[in-house]
Amino acid sequence: MYTGTVDERLDSDAVAQVAAVVDEVHLVGPVTDTAPLSELSRLPNLRMHGPVGQSRLRELVVACDVGLLPHRITGLTTAMSPLKLYEYVAAGLPVVATDLPPVRGLGSRVILVPPDGGWGQPTRAALSLGPASETDLLSTTAGISWSERLAPLVTAVSRQLDASAD
């Protein structure tokens, strides 16, 4: 499953490679660029859901086996904060993602695909992981909480304020 805007960031080749090794690929979100879909429309196991509300999104995510982040490498994607990744992880899904700086270091359940890497084998590896155990889920989500992620920023701002007060 991929959740998010379908636009020029979406790597349609990666989605097609995933579709070759799974029963169904679900894309959930608004379409702002039809180019990726024109390439993917030939896939018989592609399911487009369009934009959905939070309750329906939660239902769809927990019903899937793997979260996908198949983004092209661009200036935008190297600087983004992929909230969908945190939603996948919080739902206990293993994730297969393009190797981008914002998705590194999030644990062994986030499998990174290098540029020009194939998506079939990483997807099969993610499927073999299955849902996260409660222990793994609690450990991972504690490490990606807003308070944990913002702690370095709060520390830096506090130091700056303390230095300027002197």
N, C-alpha and C. Protein backbone atom coordinates (compact mmCIF):
# COMPACT_ATOMS: atom_id res chain seq x y z
N MET A 1 0.83 -1.18 0.00
CA MET A 1 0.00 0.00 0.00
C MET A 1 0.87 1.23 0.00
N TYR A 2 0.47 2.17 -0.84
CA TYR A 2 1.05 3.51 -0.84
C TYR A 2 -0.06 4.48 -0.49
N THR A 3 0.19 5.34 0.50
CA THR A 3 -0.77 6.38 0.82
C THR A 3 -0.10 7.72 0.60
N GLY A 4 -0.79 8.59 -0.07
CA GLY A 4 -0.24 9.91 -0.32
C GLY A 4 -0.66 10.40 -1.69
N THR A 5 -0.22 11.59 -2.01
CA THR A 5 -0.56 12.18 -3.29
C THR A 5 0.13 11.42 -4.41
N VAL A 6 -0.64 11.09 -5.43
CA VAL A 6 -0.08 10.46 -6.63
C VAL A 6 0.33 11.60 -7.54
N ASP A 7 1.64 11.78 -7.66
CA ASP A 7 2.18 12.86 -8.47
C ASP A 7 3.54 12.46 -9.00
N GLU A 8 4.33 13.44 -9.43
CA GLU A 8 5.63 13.16 -10.05
C GLU A 8 6.62 12.52 -9.07
N ARG A 9 6.35 12.56 -7.77
CA ARG A 9 7.24 11.90 -6.81
C ARG A 9 7.14 10.38 -6.88
N LEU A 10 6.00 9.86 -7.28
CA LEU A 10 5.76 8.41 -7.29
C LEU A 10 6.58 7.73 -8.38
N ASP A 11 7.34 6.72 -8.00
CA ASP A 11 8.15 5.96 -8.93
C ASP A 11 7.29 4.81 -9.48
N SER A 12 6.74 5.01 -10.66
CA SER A 12 5.82 4.01 -11.22
C SER A 12 6.54 2.71 -11.55
N ASP A 13 7.82 2.75 -11.88
CA ASP A 13 8.56 1.51 -12.12
C ASP A 13 8.64 0.67 -10.84
N ALA A 14 8.88 1.33 -9.72
CA ALA A 14 8.93 0.62 -8.44
C ALA A 14 7.58 -0.01 -8.12
N VAL A 15 6.50 0.74 -8.34
CA VAL A 15 5.16 0.20 -8.08
C VAL A 15 4.90 -1.01 -8.97
N ALA A 16 5.31 -0.96 -10.22
CA ALA A 16 5.12 -2.09 -11.13
C ALA A 16 5.92 -3.31 -10.67
N GLN A 17 7.11 -3.08 -10.14
CA GLN A 17 7.92 -4.20 -9.64
C GLN A 17 7.27 -4.84 -8.42
N VAL A 18 6.70 -4.01 -7.56
CA VAL A 18 5.99 -4.54 -6.39
C VAL A 18 4.77 -5.34 -6.86
N ALA A 19 4.05 -4.81 -7.83
CA ALA A 19 2.85 -5.49 -8.34
C ALA A 19 3.17 -6.86 -8.91
N ALA A 20 4.39 -7.05 -9.35
CA ALA A 20 4.79 -8.34 -9.92
C ALA A 20 4.96 -9.42 -8.85
N VAL A 21 5.06 -9.03 -7.56
CA VAL A 21 5.31 -10.04 -6.52
C VAL A 21 4.23 -10.10 -5.45
N VAL A 22 3.18 -9.27 -5.57
CA VAL A 22 2.10 -9.30 -4.59
C VAL A 22 0.76 -9.50 -5.29
N ASP A 23 -0.26 -9.86 -4.51
CA ASP A 23 -1.59 -10.06 -5.09
C ASP A 23 -2.23 -8.74 -5.53
N GLU A 24 -2.09 -7.71 -4.70
CA GLU A 24 -2.70 -6.41 -5.01
C GLU A 24 -1.81 -5.28 -4.50
N VAL A 25 -1.80 -4.19 -5.25
CA VAL A 25 -1.15 -2.95 -4.81
C VAL A 25 -2.24 -1.90 -4.69
N HIS A 26 -2.28 -1.25 -3.54
CA HIS A 26 -3.29 -0.22 -3.29
C HIS A 26 -2.62 1.15 -3.26
N LEU A 27 -3.17 2.09 -4.03
CA LEU A 27 -2.74 3.48 -3.98
C LEU A 27 -3.89 4.28 -3.40
N VAL A 28 -3.62 5.00 -2.32
CA VAL A 28 -4.66 5.75 -1.63
C VAL A 28 -4.25 7.21 -1.55
N GLY A 29 -5.03 8.06 -2.18
CA GLY A 29 -4.76 9.49 -2.09
C GLY A 29 -5.17 10.20 -3.36
N PRO A 30 -5.11 11.52 -3.31
CA PRO A 30 -5.51 12.31 -4.48
C PRO A 30 -4.51 12.17 -5.62
N VAL A 31 -4.99 12.30 -6.82
CA VAL A 31 -4.13 12.26 -8.01
C VAL A 31 -3.98 13.68 -8.52
N THR A 32 -2.74 14.19 -8.48
CA THR A 32 -2.49 15.54 -9.00
C THR A 32 -1.66 15.50 -10.27
N ASP A 33 -1.16 14.32 -10.61
CA ASP A 33 -0.40 14.13 -11.85
C ASP A 33 -0.76 12.75 -12.37
N THR A 34 -1.37 12.69 -13.54
CA THR A 34 -1.83 11.40 -14.07
C THR A 34 -0.73 10.61 -14.76
N ALA A 35 0.45 11.18 -14.97
CA ALA A 35 1.53 10.47 -15.66
C ALA A 35 1.86 9.13 -15.00
N PRO A 36 2.05 9.07 -13.67
CA PRO A 36 2.33 7.76 -13.08
C PRO A 36 1.21 6.75 -13.30
N LEU A 37 -0.04 7.22 -13.27
CA LEU A 37 -1.16 6.30 -13.45
C LEU A 37 -1.26 5.79 -14.87
N SER A 38 -0.89 6.61 -15.84
CA SER A 38 -0.97 6.15 -17.23
C SER A 38 -0.05 4.95 -17.44
N GLU A 39 1.06 4.94 -16.74
CA GLU A 39 1.99 3.81 -16.83
C GLU A 39 1.48 2.61 -16.02
N LEU A 40 0.76 2.87 -14.95
CA LEU A 40 0.34 1.80 -14.05
C LEU A 40 -1.04 1.23 -14.38
N SER A 41 -1.81 1.91 -15.18
CA SER A 41 -3.18 1.48 -15.45
C SER A 41 -3.27 0.10 -16.09
N ARG A 42 -2.20 -0.36 -16.67
CA ARG A 42 -2.20 -1.69 -17.30
C ARG A 42 -2.07 -2.82 -16.28
N LEU A 43 -1.76 -2.49 -15.04
CA LEU A 43 -1.58 -3.53 -14.01
C LEU A 43 -2.93 -4.02 -13.53
N PRO A 44 -3.22 -5.31 -13.71
CA PRO A 44 -4.54 -5.82 -13.30
C PRO A 44 -4.74 -5.87 -11.80
N ASN A 45 -3.66 -5.83 -11.03
CA ASN A 45 -3.79 -5.92 -9.58
C ASN A 45 -3.57 -4.57 -8.87
N LEU A 46 -3.68 -3.48 -9.61
CA LEU A 46 -3.59 -2.15 -9.02
C LEU A 46 -4.98 -1.70 -8.60
N ARG A 47 -5.10 -1.24 -7.35
CA ARG A 47 -6.38 -0.73 -6.84
C ARG A 47 -6.19 0.74 -6.45
N MET A 48 -6.91 1.62 -7.10
CA MET A 48 -6.89 3.05 -6.79
C MET A 48 -8.07 3.37 -5.89
N HIS A 49 -7.79 4.02 -4.78
CA HIS A 49 -8.85 4.37 -3.83
C HIS A 49 -9.19 5.85 -3.83
N GLY A 50 -8.31 6.69 -4.37
CA GLY A 50 -8.54 8.13 -4.30
C GLY A 50 -8.40 8.61 -2.87
N PRO A 51 -8.76 9.86 -2.61
CA PRO A 51 -8.66 10.36 -1.23
C PRO A 51 -9.73 9.72 -0.34
N VAL A 52 -9.36 9.42 0.88
CA VAL A 52 -10.29 8.84 1.85
C VAL A 52 -10.12 9.57 3.18
N GLY A 53 -11.10 9.46 4.05
CA GLY A 53 -11.02 10.04 5.39
C GLY A 53 -10.08 9.25 6.28
N GLN A 54 -9.77 9.81 7.44
CA GLN A 54 -8.83 9.17 8.36
C GLN A 54 -9.28 7.78 8.82
N SER A 55 -10.56 7.61 9.10
CA SER A 55 -11.04 6.30 9.56
C SER A 55 -10.85 5.24 8.49
N ARG A 56 -11.23 5.59 7.26
CA ARG A 56 -11.08 4.64 6.15
C ARG A 56 -9.61 4.37 5.86
N LEU A 57 -8.78 5.40 5.95
CA LEU A 57 -7.34 5.23 5.73
C LEU A 57 -6.77 4.26 6.75
N ARG A 58 -7.14 4.43 8.00
CA ARG A 58 -6.67 3.53 9.05
C ARG A 58 -7.09 2.09 8.75
N GLU A 59 -8.33 1.89 8.33
CA GLU A 59 -8.82 0.55 7.99
C GLU A 59 -8.00 -0.05 6.85
N LEU A 60 -7.73 0.74 5.82
CA LEU A 60 -6.97 0.24 4.68
C LEU A 60 -5.53 -0.11 5.06
N VAL A 61 -4.91 0.76 5.86
CA VAL A 61 -3.51 0.52 6.23
C VAL A 61 -3.39 -0.76 7.06
N VAL A 62 -4.22 -0.93 8.06
CA VAL A 62 -4.08 -2.12 8.91
C VAL A 62 -4.47 -3.40 8.17
N ALA A 63 -5.20 -3.29 7.07
CA ALA A 63 -5.58 -4.47 6.29
C ALA A 63 -4.48 -4.90 5.32
N CYS A 64 -3.46 -4.07 5.15
CA CYS A 64 -2.39 -4.39 4.20
C CYS A 64 -1.23 -5.08 4.90
N ASP A 65 -0.34 -5.62 4.09
CA ASP A 65 0.80 -6.37 4.61
C ASP A 65 2.10 -5.58 4.62
N VAL A 66 2.23 -4.60 3.72
CA VAL A 66 3.48 -3.84 3.59
C VAL A 66 3.14 -2.40 3.23
N GLY A 67 3.81 -1.46 3.87
CA GLY A 67 3.69 -0.05 3.50
C GLY A 67 4.76 0.29 2.48
N LEU A 68 4.40 1.06 1.48
CA LEU A 68 5.33 1.41 0.41
C LEU A 68 5.61 2.91 0.39
N LEU A 69 6.85 3.24 0.14
CA LEU A 69 7.26 4.62 -0.08
C LEU A 69 8.14 4.64 -1.34
N PRO A 70 7.52 4.42 -2.50
CA PRO A 70 8.28 4.33 -3.75
C PRO A 70 8.43 5.71 -4.42
N HIS A 71 9.31 6.51 -3.87
CA HIS A 71 9.50 7.86 -4.40
C HIS A 71 10.72 7.96 -5.30
N ARG A 72 10.60 8.78 -6.32
CA ARG A 72 11.77 9.14 -7.12
C ARG A 72 12.68 9.98 -6.24
N ILE A 73 13.95 9.98 -6.56
CA ILE A 73 14.90 10.79 -5.80
C ILE A 73 14.97 12.17 -6.44
N THR A 74 14.46 13.16 -5.71
CA THR A 74 14.46 14.55 -6.17
C THR A 74 14.81 15.44 -4.99
N GLY A 75 14.99 16.72 -5.25
CA GLY A 75 15.23 17.66 -4.17
C GLY A 75 14.09 17.65 -3.16
N LEU A 76 12.87 17.54 -3.66
CA LEU A 76 11.70 17.53 -2.77
C LEU A 76 11.68 16.28 -1.89
N THR A 77 11.91 15.11 -2.48
CA THR A 77 11.81 13.88 -1.68
C THR A 77 12.98 13.70 -0.72
N THR A 78 14.13 14.28 -1.03
CA THR A 78 15.25 14.18 -0.08
C THR A 78 15.08 15.10 1.11
N ALA A 79 14.17 16.07 1.00
CA ALA A 79 13.95 17.03 2.09
C ALA A 79 12.63 16.81 2.82
N MET A 80 11.81 15.88 2.36
CA MET A 80 10.47 15.72 2.93
C MET A 80 10.51 15.04 4.30
N SER A 81 9.41 15.15 5.00
CA SER A 81 9.19 14.40 6.22
C SER A 81 8.05 13.44 5.92
N PRO A 82 8.36 12.19 5.62
CA PRO A 82 7.34 11.26 5.15
C PRO A 82 6.41 10.75 6.25
N LEU A 83 5.38 11.51 6.54
CA LEU A 83 4.45 11.13 7.60
C LEU A 83 3.82 9.77 7.36
N LYS A 84 3.60 9.43 6.09
CA LYS A 84 3.00 8.12 5.80
C LYS A 84 3.87 6.98 6.34
N LEU A 85 5.17 7.17 6.34
CA LEU A 85 6.07 6.14 6.87
C LEU A 85 5.77 5.88 8.34
N TYR A 86 5.56 6.95 9.10
CA TYR A 86 5.26 6.80 10.52
C TYR A 86 3.89 6.15 10.73
N GLU A 87 2.95 6.44 9.84
CA GLU A 87 1.64 5.79 9.92
C GLU A 87 1.77 4.29 9.67
N TYR A 88 2.57 3.92 8.69
CA TYR A 88 2.79 2.49 8.40
C TYR A 88 3.40 1.80 9.62
N VAL A 89 4.47 2.41 10.15
CA VAL A 89 5.18 1.81 11.28
C VAL A 89 4.25 1.71 12.49
N ALA A 90 3.48 2.75 12.76
CA ALA A 90 2.55 2.73 13.90
C ALA A 90 1.48 1.66 13.74
N ALA A 91 1.15 1.31 12.49
CA ALA A 91 0.18 0.25 12.23
C ALA A 91 0.82 -1.14 12.30
N GLY A 92 2.13 -1.18 12.52
CA GLY A 92 2.82 -2.47 12.63
C GLY A 92 3.26 -3.06 11.31
N LEU A 93 3.17 -2.27 10.23
CA LEU A 93 3.56 -2.80 8.92
C LEU A 93 5.06 -2.72 8.71
N PRO A 94 5.63 -3.74 8.05
CA PRO A 94 6.98 -3.54 7.55
C PRO A 94 6.89 -2.57 6.37
N VAL A 95 7.97 -1.88 6.07
CA VAL A 95 7.96 -0.85 5.04
C VAL A 95 9.08 -1.10 4.04
N VAL A 96 8.77 -0.85 2.77
CA VAL A 96 9.79 -0.85 1.72
C VAL A 96 9.80 0.57 1.18
N ALA A 97 10.98 1.20 1.23
CA ALA A 97 11.08 2.62 0.88
C ALA A 97 12.31 2.90 0.03
N THR A 98 12.18 3.89 -0.83
CA THR A 98 13.34 4.40 -1.54
C THR A 98 14.33 4.91 -0.50
N ASP A 99 15.60 4.62 -0.70
CA ASP A 99 16.63 5.04 0.24
C ASP A 99 16.82 6.56 0.13
N LEU A 100 16.16 7.26 1.03
CA LEU A 100 16.22 8.72 1.10
C LEU A 100 16.64 9.11 2.51
N PRO A 101 17.35 10.22 2.68
CA PRO A 101 17.80 10.61 4.03
C PRO A 101 16.69 10.62 5.09
N PRO A 102 15.48 11.10 4.79
CA PRO A 102 14.47 11.15 5.86
C PRO A 102 13.96 9.79 6.33
N VAL A 103 14.26 8.71 5.61
CA VAL A 103 13.74 7.40 6.02
C VAL A 103 14.82 6.48 6.55
N ARG A 104 16.02 6.98 6.66
CA ARG A 104 17.13 6.15 7.17
C ARG A 104 17.08 6.09 8.70
N GLY A 105 17.58 4.97 9.22
CA GLY A 105 17.73 4.84 10.67
C GLY A 105 16.45 4.57 11.43
N LEU A 106 15.44 4.03 10.75
CA LEU A 106 14.17 3.78 11.45
C LEU A 106 13.98 2.30 11.79
N GLY A 107 15.05 1.53 11.76
CA GLY A 107 14.98 0.15 12.21
C GLY A 107 14.95 -0.87 11.10
N SER A 108 15.03 -2.11 11.51
CA SER A 108 15.14 -3.23 10.56
C SER A 108 13.82 -3.53 9.84
N ARG A 109 12.73 -2.94 10.27
CA ARG A 109 11.45 -3.19 9.61
C ARG A 109 11.19 -2.19 8.47
N VAL A 110 12.14 -1.27 8.28
CA VAL A 110 12.08 -0.36 7.14
C VAL A 110 13.21 -0.76 6.20
N ILE A 111 12.83 -1.40 5.11
CA ILE A 111 13.80 -1.91 4.14
C ILE A 111 14.01 -0.86 3.06
N LEU A 112 15.26 -0.42 2.91
CA LEU A 112 15.57 0.63 1.96
C LEU A 112 16.01 0.06 0.63
N VAL A 113 15.50 0.65 -0.44
CA VAL A 113 15.85 0.24 -1.80
C VAL A 113 16.77 1.31 -2.37
N PRO A 114 17.99 0.94 -2.74
CA PRO A 114 18.92 1.93 -3.29
C PRO A 114 18.48 2.41 -4.67
N PRO A 115 19.02 3.55 -5.11
CA PRO A 115 18.71 4.02 -6.46
C PRO A 115 18.99 2.90 -7.47
N ASP A 116 18.13 2.76 -8.42
CA ASP A 116 18.25 1.72 -9.44
C ASP A 116 18.20 0.31 -8.87
N GLY A 117 17.74 0.18 -7.62
CA GLY A 117 17.60 -1.14 -7.03
C GLY A 117 16.27 -1.76 -7.41
N GLY A 118 16.21 -3.06 -7.36
CA GLY A 118 14.95 -3.74 -7.64
C GLY A 118 14.07 -3.75 -6.40
N TRP A 119 12.76 -3.71 -6.62
CA TRP A 119 11.79 -3.69 -5.53
C TRP A 119 11.19 -5.05 -5.22
N GLY A 120 11.38 -6.05 -6.08
CA GLY A 120 10.79 -7.36 -5.86
C GLY A 120 11.32 -8.06 -4.62
N GLN A 121 12.62 -8.22 -4.53
CA GLN A 121 13.23 -8.92 -3.40
C GLN A 121 13.00 -8.17 -2.09
N PRO A 122 13.19 -6.85 -2.02
CA PRO A 122 12.89 -6.16 -0.76
C PRO A 122 11.42 -6.31 -0.33
N THR A 123 10.51 -6.33 -1.30
CA THR A 123 9.09 -6.51 -0.96
C THR A 123 8.85 -7.89 -0.39
N ARG A 124 9.45 -8.91 -1.00
CA ARG A 124 9.32 -10.28 -0.47
C ARG A 124 9.91 -10.36 0.95
N ALA A 125 11.04 -9.68 1.17
CA ALA A 125 11.67 -9.67 2.50
C ALA A 125 10.74 -9.00 3.52
N ALA A 126 10.12 -7.91 3.13
CA ALA A 126 9.19 -7.22 4.03
C ALA A 126 7.99 -8.10 4.34
N LEU A 127 7.46 -8.77 3.33
CA LEU A 127 6.32 -9.67 3.55
C LEU A 127 6.68 -10.78 4.55
N SER A 128 7.91 -11.25 4.49
CA SER A 128 8.32 -12.33 5.39
C SER A 128 8.41 -11.86 6.84
N LEU A 129 8.53 -10.55 7.06
CA LEU A 129 8.59 -10.03 8.43
C LEU A 129 7.25 -10.11 9.14
N GLY A 130 6.16 -9.97 8.38
CA GLY A 130 4.83 -9.98 8.99
C GLY A 130 4.61 -8.77 9.85
N PRO A 131 3.47 -8.74 10.55
CA PRO A 131 3.15 -7.60 11.43
C PRO A 131 4.13 -7.52 12.60
N ALA A 132 4.35 -6.33 13.11
CA ALA A 132 5.25 -6.13 14.24
C ALA A 132 4.65 -6.72 15.50
N SER A 133 5.51 -7.26 16.34
CA SER A 133 5.07 -7.71 17.66
C SER A 133 4.76 -6.47 18.49
N GLU A 134 4.03 -6.65 19.56
CA GLU A 134 3.69 -5.51 20.41
C GLU A 134 4.96 -4.86 20.97
N THR A 135 5.94 -5.67 21.35
CA THR A 135 7.20 -5.15 21.89
C THR A 135 7.93 -4.32 20.84
N ASP A 136 8.04 -4.85 19.61
CA ASP A 136 8.69 -4.10 18.53
C ASP A 136 7.93 -2.82 18.21
N LEU A 137 6.63 -2.91 18.20
CA LEU A 137 5.80 -1.75 17.88
C LEU A 137 5.99 -0.65 18.91
N LEU A 138 5.96 -0.99 20.19
CA LEU A 138 6.15 0.01 21.24
C LEU A 138 7.55 0.62 21.18
N SER A 139 8.54 -0.19 20.93
CA SER A 139 9.92 0.30 20.86
C SER A 139 10.10 1.25 19.67
N THR A 140 9.59 0.85 18.52
CA THR A 140 9.75 1.67 17.32
C THR A 140 8.97 2.96 17.42
N THR A 141 7.73 2.90 17.87
CA THR A 141 6.93 4.12 17.92
C THR A 141 7.46 5.09 18.98
N ALA A 142 8.07 4.57 20.05
CA ALA A 142 8.67 5.47 21.04
C ALA A 142 9.81 6.27 20.40
N GLY A 143 10.56 5.64 19.51
CA GLY A 143 11.68 6.31 18.86
C GLY A 143 11.29 7.31 17.80
N ILE A 144 10.04 7.25 17.33
CA ILE A 144 9.62 8.19 16.27
C ILE A 144 8.52 9.13 16.75
N SER A 145 8.31 9.19 18.06
CA SER A 145 7.28 10.08 18.58
C SER A 145 7.67 11.53 18.30
N TRP A 146 6.68 12.42 18.30
CA TRP A 146 6.97 13.84 18.07
C TRP A 146 7.93 14.37 19.13
N SER A 147 7.73 13.99 20.39
CA SER A 147 8.62 14.51 21.43
C SER A 147 10.06 14.05 21.20
N GLU A 148 10.24 12.83 20.75
CA GLU A 148 11.58 12.30 20.47
C GLU A 148 12.18 12.99 19.24
N ARG A 149 11.39 13.15 18.20
CA ARG A 149 11.89 13.75 16.97
C ARG A 149 12.19 15.23 17.13
N LEU A 150 11.43 15.92 17.99
CA LEU A 150 11.64 17.36 18.17
C LEU A 150 12.66 17.70 19.25
N ALA A 151 13.08 16.72 20.04
CA ALA A 151 14.01 16.98 21.14
C ALA A 151 15.29 17.68 20.67
N PRO A 152 15.94 17.27 19.59
CA PRO A 152 17.15 17.99 19.16
C PRO A 152 16.88 19.46 18.80
N LEU A 153 15.74 19.72 18.20
CA LEU A 153 15.38 21.10 17.85
C LEU A 153 15.16 21.94 19.10
N VAL A 154 14.42 21.38 20.05
CA VAL A 154 14.15 22.10 21.30
C VAL A 154 15.47 22.38 22.02
N THR A 155 16.36 21.43 22.05
CA THR A 155 17.67 21.62 22.69
C THR A 155 18.46 22.72 22.00
N ALA A 156 18.50 22.70 20.68
CA ALA A 156 19.25 23.71 19.92
C ALA A 156 18.68 25.11 20.15
N VAL A 157 17.37 25.24 20.12
CA VAL A 157 16.74 26.54 20.33
C VAL A 157 17.00 27.01 21.76
N SER A 158 16.89 26.12 22.72
CA SER A 158 17.16 26.49 24.12
C SER A 158 18.59 26.98 24.30
N ARG A 159 19.54 26.29 23.68
CA ARG A 159 20.95 26.72 23.76
C ARG A 159 21.14 28.09 23.14
N GLN A 160 20.49 28.31 22.00
CA GLN A 160 20.59 29.60 21.33
C GLN A 160 20.00 30.72 22.19
N LEU A 161 18.86 30.44 22.79
CA LEU A 161 18.22 31.43 23.67
C LEU A 161 19.10 31.71 24.89
N ASP A 162 19.67 30.66 25.46
CA ASP A 162 20.54 30.83 26.61
C ASP A 162 21.78 31.65 26.24
N ALA A 163 22.36 31.38 25.06
CA ALA A 163 23.55 32.10 24.61
C ALA A 163 23.26 33.56 24.34
N SER A 164 22.09 33.85 23.79
CA SER A 164 21.76 35.25 23.48
C SER A 164 21.38 36.04 24.74
N ALA A 165 20.99 35.32 25.81
CA ALA A 165 20.64 35.98 27.05
C ALA A 165 21.88 36.40 27.84
N ASP A 166 23.02 35.80 27.52
CA ASP A 166 24.27 36.13 28.23
C ASP A 166 24.84 37.45 27.83
